[in-house]
Amino acid sequence: MTVEPAQRATLAALLGIDTIGEWVALRPLEEAQRVLNANGIAAAAALNGRQVLEREGQVWKDALQHLPDGTLVKGFAMQFEREPMTVARDAPVVGADTVEVLQRVAGLSTREIDDLAAEGVIEIAARKRC
């Protein structure tokens, strides 16, 4: 859990301690967050992957999304109200656009790109020719 530096004095006075870790360790995260928020201290639990999955649909509702086929995928940490972001497809594989970018942007030849790949400097998922 994190607390803004400007709110640390308020926290110390409220809890009678110097570090938030001491206090949070003695209670469930949801309770700690609720008490801090109720007293004007912005705080939120930092969840690991398992905890996010356990709370699907409860917290960070946009952090996990479902593709049209129902597959659960990583979504967005935040969302726009007027134009919500959605996940429409899987992310490209690592290196999917490497050849095209190196040719078009960096001006490298196919031979130069092949040499970089052979040396392990870059990763290429599929050969694309421009």
C-alpha atoms as a PDB file:
ATOM      1  CA  MET A   1       0.000   0.000   0.000  1.00  0.00           C
ATOM      2  CA  THR A   2       1.320   3.479  -0.753  1.00  0.00           C
ATOM      3  CA  VAL A   3       0.511   6.842   0.815  1.00  0.00           C
ATOM      4  CA  GLU A   4       1.287  10.270  -0.605  1.00  0.00           C
ATOM      5  CA  PRO A   5       4.189  11.972   1.265  1.00  0.00           C
ATOM      6  CA  ALA A   6       1.995  14.953   2.181  1.00  0.00           C
ATOM      7  CA  GLN A   7      -0.434  12.595   3.949  1.00  0.00           C
ATOM      8  CA  ARG A   8       2.127  10.759   6.105  1.00  0.00           C
ATOM      9  CA  ALA A   9       1.690  13.111   9.105  1.00  0.00           C
ATOM     10  CA  THR A  10      -2.081  12.564   8.982  1.00  0.00           C
ATOM     11  CA  LEU A  11      -1.475   8.837   8.804  1.00  0.00           C
ATOM     12  CA  ALA A  12       0.914   8.822  11.759  1.00  0.00           C
ATOM     13  CA  ALA A  13      -1.540  10.841  13.891  1.00  0.00           C
ATOM     14  CA  LEU A  14      -4.491   8.623  12.916  1.00  0.00           C
ATOM     15  CA  LEU A  15      -2.739   5.323  13.511  1.00  0.00           C
ATOM     16  CA  GLY A  16      -0.256   6.223  16.240  1.00  0.00           C
ATOM     17  CA  ILE A  17       2.623   4.633  14.299  1.00  0.00           C
ATOM     18  CA  ASP A  18       5.429   5.722  12.009  1.00  0.00           C
ATOM     19  CA  THR A  19       5.088   3.186   9.201  1.00  0.00           C
ATOM     20  CA  ILE A  20       2.000   2.035   7.396  1.00  0.00           C
ATOM     21  CA  GLY A  21       3.391  -1.475   7.058  1.00  0.00           C
ATOM     22  CA  GLU A  22       3.113  -2.084  10.814  1.00  0.00           C
ATOM     23  CA  TRP A  23      -0.549  -1.128  10.825  1.00  0.00           C
ATOM     24  CA  VAL A  24      -1.595  -2.798   7.560  1.00  0.00           C
ATOM     25  CA  ALA A  25       0.055  -6.089   8.554  1.00  0.00           C
ATOM     26  CA  LEU A  26      -2.412  -6.406  11.462  1.00  0.00           C
ATOM     27  CA  ARG A  27      -5.633  -6.357   9.368  1.00  0.00           C
ATOM     28  CA  PRO A  28      -7.093  -7.405   6.015  1.00  0.00           C
ATOM     29  CA  LEU A  29      -6.090  -5.101   3.134  1.00  0.00           C
ATOM     30  CA  GLU A  30      -9.709  -4.182   2.370  1.00  0.00           C
ATOM     31  CA  GLU A  31     -10.236  -3.010   5.957  1.00  0.00           C
ATOM     32  CA  ALA A  32      -7.001  -0.997   5.940  1.00  0.00           C
ATOM     33  CA  GLN A  33      -7.955   0.668   2.668  1.00  0.00           C
ATOM     34  CA  ARG A  34     -11.481   1.451   3.899  1.00  0.00           C
ATOM     35  CA  VAL A  35     -10.228   3.059   7.163  1.00  0.00           C
ATOM     36  CA  LEU A  36      -7.558   5.114   5.425  1.00  0.00           C
ATOM     37  CA  ASN A  37      -9.911   6.294   2.672  1.00  0.00           C
ATOM     38  CA  ALA A  38     -12.607   7.200   5.220  1.00  0.00           C
ATOM     39  CA  ASN A  39     -10.077   9.462   6.911  1.00  0.00           C
ATOM     40  CA  GLY A  40      -9.109  11.302   3.734  1.00  0.00           C
ATOM     41  CA  ILE A  41      -5.976   9.318   2.955  1.00  0.00           C
ATOM     42  CA  ALA A  42      -5.806   8.046  -0.617  1.00  0.00           C
ATOM     43  CA  ALA A  43      -4.700   4.413  -0.425  1.00  0.00           C
ATOM     44  CA  ALA A  44      -5.236   1.293  -2.481  1.00  0.00           C
ATOM     45  CA  ALA A  45      -4.020  -2.256  -2.109  1.00  0.00           C
ATOM     46  CA  ALA A  46      -1.299  -3.348  -4.521  1.00  0.00           C
ATOM     47  CA  LEU A  47      -2.578  -6.673  -5.846  1.00  0.00           C
ATOM     48  CA  ASN A  48      -0.589  -9.490  -7.368  1.00  0.00           C
ATOM     49  CA  GLY A  49      -1.921 -11.475 -10.326  1.00  0.00           C
ATOM     50  CA  ARG A  50      -3.680 -14.088  -8.190  1.00  0.00           C
ATOM     51  CA  GLN A  51      -5.395 -11.398  -6.118  1.00  0.00           C
ATOM     52  CA  VAL A  52      -6.599  -9.579  -9.252  1.00  0.00           C
ATOM     53  CA  LEU A  53      -8.084 -12.831 -10.580  1.00  0.00           C
ATOM     54  CA  GLU A  54      -9.782 -13.533  -7.239  1.00  0.00           C
ATOM     55  CA  ARG A  55     -11.401 -10.089  -7.361  1.00  0.00           C
ATOM     56  CA  GLU A  56     -12.457 -10.197 -11.017  1.00  0.00           C
ATOM     57  CA  GLY A  57     -15.431  -7.889 -11.501  1.00  0.00           C
ATOM     58  CA  GLN A  58     -14.979  -6.309  -8.054  1.00  0.00           C
ATOM     59  CA  VAL A  59     -11.882  -4.136  -8.332  1.00  0.00           C
ATOM     60  CA  TRP A  60      -9.979  -2.845 -11.314  1.00  0.00           C
ATOM     61  CA  LYS A  61     -12.848  -4.048 -13.480  1.00  0.00           C
ATOM     62  CA  ASP A  62     -10.998  -3.041 -16.636  1.00  0.00           C
ATOM     63  CA  ALA A  63      -7.703  -4.718 -15.696  1.00  0.00           C
ATOM     64  CA  LEU A  64      -9.097  -8.036 -16.906  1.00  0.00           C
ATOM     65  CA  GLN A  65     -11.253  -8.285 -19.994  1.00  0.00           C
ATOM     66  CA  HIS A  66     -12.702 -11.029 -22.144  1.00  0.00           C
ATOM     67  CA  LEU A  67     -12.153 -11.372 -25.874  1.00  0.00           C
ATOM     68  CA  PRO A  68     -15.256 -12.010 -28.010  1.00  0.00           C
ATOM     69  CA  ASP A  69     -14.510 -15.760 -27.754  1.00  0.00           C
ATOM     70  CA  GLY A  70     -14.491 -15.552 -23.935  1.00  0.00           C
ATOM     71  CA  THR A  71     -10.721 -15.753 -23.451  1.00  0.00           C
ATOM     72  CA  LEU A  72      -9.584 -13.827 -20.343  1.00  0.00           C
ATOM     73  CA  VAL A  73      -6.857 -11.279 -21.211  1.00  0.00           C
ATOM     74  CA  LYS A  74      -5.033  -8.377 -19.601  1.00  0.00           C
ATOM     75  CA  GLY A  75      -7.054  -5.196 -20.064  1.00  0.00           C
ATOM     76  CA  PHE A  76      -6.349  -1.625 -18.994  1.00  0.00           C
ATOM     77  CA  ALA A  77      -5.264  -0.079 -15.679  1.00  0.00           C
ATOM     78  CA  MET A  78      -7.476   2.918 -16.387  1.00  0.00           C
ATOM     79  CA  GLN A  79     -10.370   3.718 -18.673  1.00  0.00           C
ATOM     80  CA  PHE A  80     -11.825   6.669 -20.609  1.00  0.00           C
ATOM     81  CA  GLU A  81     -15.482   7.432 -19.853  1.00  0.00           C
ATOM     82  CA  ARG A  82     -16.391   8.928 -23.227  1.00  0.00           C
ATOM     83  CA  GLU A  83     -14.557   6.411 -25.402  1.00  0.00           C
ATOM     84  CA  PRO A  84     -13.895   3.203 -23.454  1.00  0.00           C
ATOM     85  CA  MET A  85     -10.967   1.110 -24.623  1.00  0.00           C
ATOM     86  CA  THR A  86     -11.592  -2.536 -25.439  1.00  0.00           C
ATOM     87  CA  VAL A  87      -9.429  -5.506 -26.273  1.00  0.00           C
ATOM     88  CA  ALA A  88     -10.329  -6.706 -29.768  1.00  0.00           C
ATOM     89  CA  ARG A  89      -7.563  -9.248 -30.402  1.00  0.00           C
ATOM     90  CA  ASP A  90      -4.458 -10.836 -28.939  1.00  0.00           C
ATOM     91  CA  ALA A  91      -1.327  -8.716 -28.766  1.00  0.00           C
ATOM     92  CA  PRO A  92       1.194  -9.355 -31.543  1.00  0.00           C
ATOM     93  CA  VAL A  93       3.963 -11.807 -30.687  1.00  0.00           C
ATOM     94  CA  VAL A  94       7.365 -10.467 -29.702  1.00  0.00           C
ATOM     95  CA  GLY A  95       9.281  -9.464 -32.801  1.00  0.00           C
ATOM     96  CA  ALA A  96       6.248  -9.494 -35.110  1.00  0.00           C
ATOM     97  CA  ASP A  97       7.094  -6.092 -36.587  1.00  0.00           C
ATOM     98  CA  THR A  98      10.859  -6.040 -36.083  1.00  0.00           C
ATOM     99  CA  VAL A  99      11.851  -6.570 -39.721  1.00  0.00           C
ATOM    100  CA  GLU A 100       9.426  -3.958 -41.050  1.00  0.00           C
ATOM    101  CA  VAL A 101      10.482  -1.344 -38.466  1.00  0.00           C
ATOM    102  CA  LEU A 102      14.199  -1.918 -39.018  1.00  0.00           C
ATOM    103  CA  GLN A 103      13.787  -1.690 -42.788  1.00  0.00           C
ATOM    104  CA  ARG A 104      11.447   1.307 -42.941  1.00  0.00           C
ATOM    105  CA  VAL A 105      12.636   3.351 -39.973  1.00  0.00           C
ATOM    106  CA  ALA A 106      16.285   2.395 -39.567  1.00  0.00           C
ATOM    107  CA  GLY A 107      16.931   1.711 -43.246  1.00  0.00           C
ATOM    108  CA  LEU A 108      18.622  -1.635 -42.585  1.00  0.00           C
ATOM    109  CA  SER A 109      19.001  -4.211 -45.315  1.00  0.00           C
ATOM    110  CA  THR A 110      17.737  -7.771 -45.076  1.00  0.00           C
ATOM    111  CA  ARG A 111      21.356  -8.923 -44.653  1.00  0.00           C
ATOM    112  CA  GLU A 112      21.942  -6.506 -41.744  1.00  0.00           C
ATOM    113  CA  ILE A 113      18.724  -7.644 -40.067  1.00  0.00           C
ATOM    114  CA  ASP A 114      19.661 -11.312 -40.562  1.00  0.00           C
ATOM    115  CA  ASP A 115      23.067 -10.639 -38.964  1.00  0.00           C
ATOM    116  CA  LEU A 116      21.468  -8.943 -35.944  1.00  0.00           C
ATOM    117  CA  ALA A 117      19.051 -11.847 -35.528  1.00  0.00           C
ATOM    118  CA  ALA A 118      21.867 -14.406 -35.842  1.00  0.00           C
ATOM    119  CA  GLU A 119      23.828 -12.599 -33.118  1.00  0.00           C
ATOM    120  CA  GLY A 120      20.767 -12.567 -30.838  1.00  0.00           C
ATOM    121  CA  VAL A 121      20.572  -8.771 -30.819  1.00  0.00           C
ATOM    122  CA  ILE A 122      16.968  -8.772 -32.073  1.00  0.00           C
ATOM    123  CA  GLU A 123      14.128 -11.251 -32.090  1.00  0.00           C
ATOM    124  CA  ILE A 124      12.117 -11.881 -35.219  1.00  0.00           C
ATOM    125  CA  ALA A 125       8.814 -13.733 -35.034  1.00  0.00           C
ATOM    126  CA  ALA A 126       8.038 -13.943 -38.734  1.00  0.00           C
ATOM    127  CA  ARG A 127       9.800 -12.777 -41.845  1.00  0.00           C
ATOM    128  CA  LYS A 128       8.039  -9.776 -43.365  1.00  0.00           C
ATOM    129  CA  ARG A 129       9.197  -8.175 -46.553  1.00  0.00           C
ATOM    130  CA  CYS A 130       8.387  -4.551 -47.340  1.00  0.00           C
END
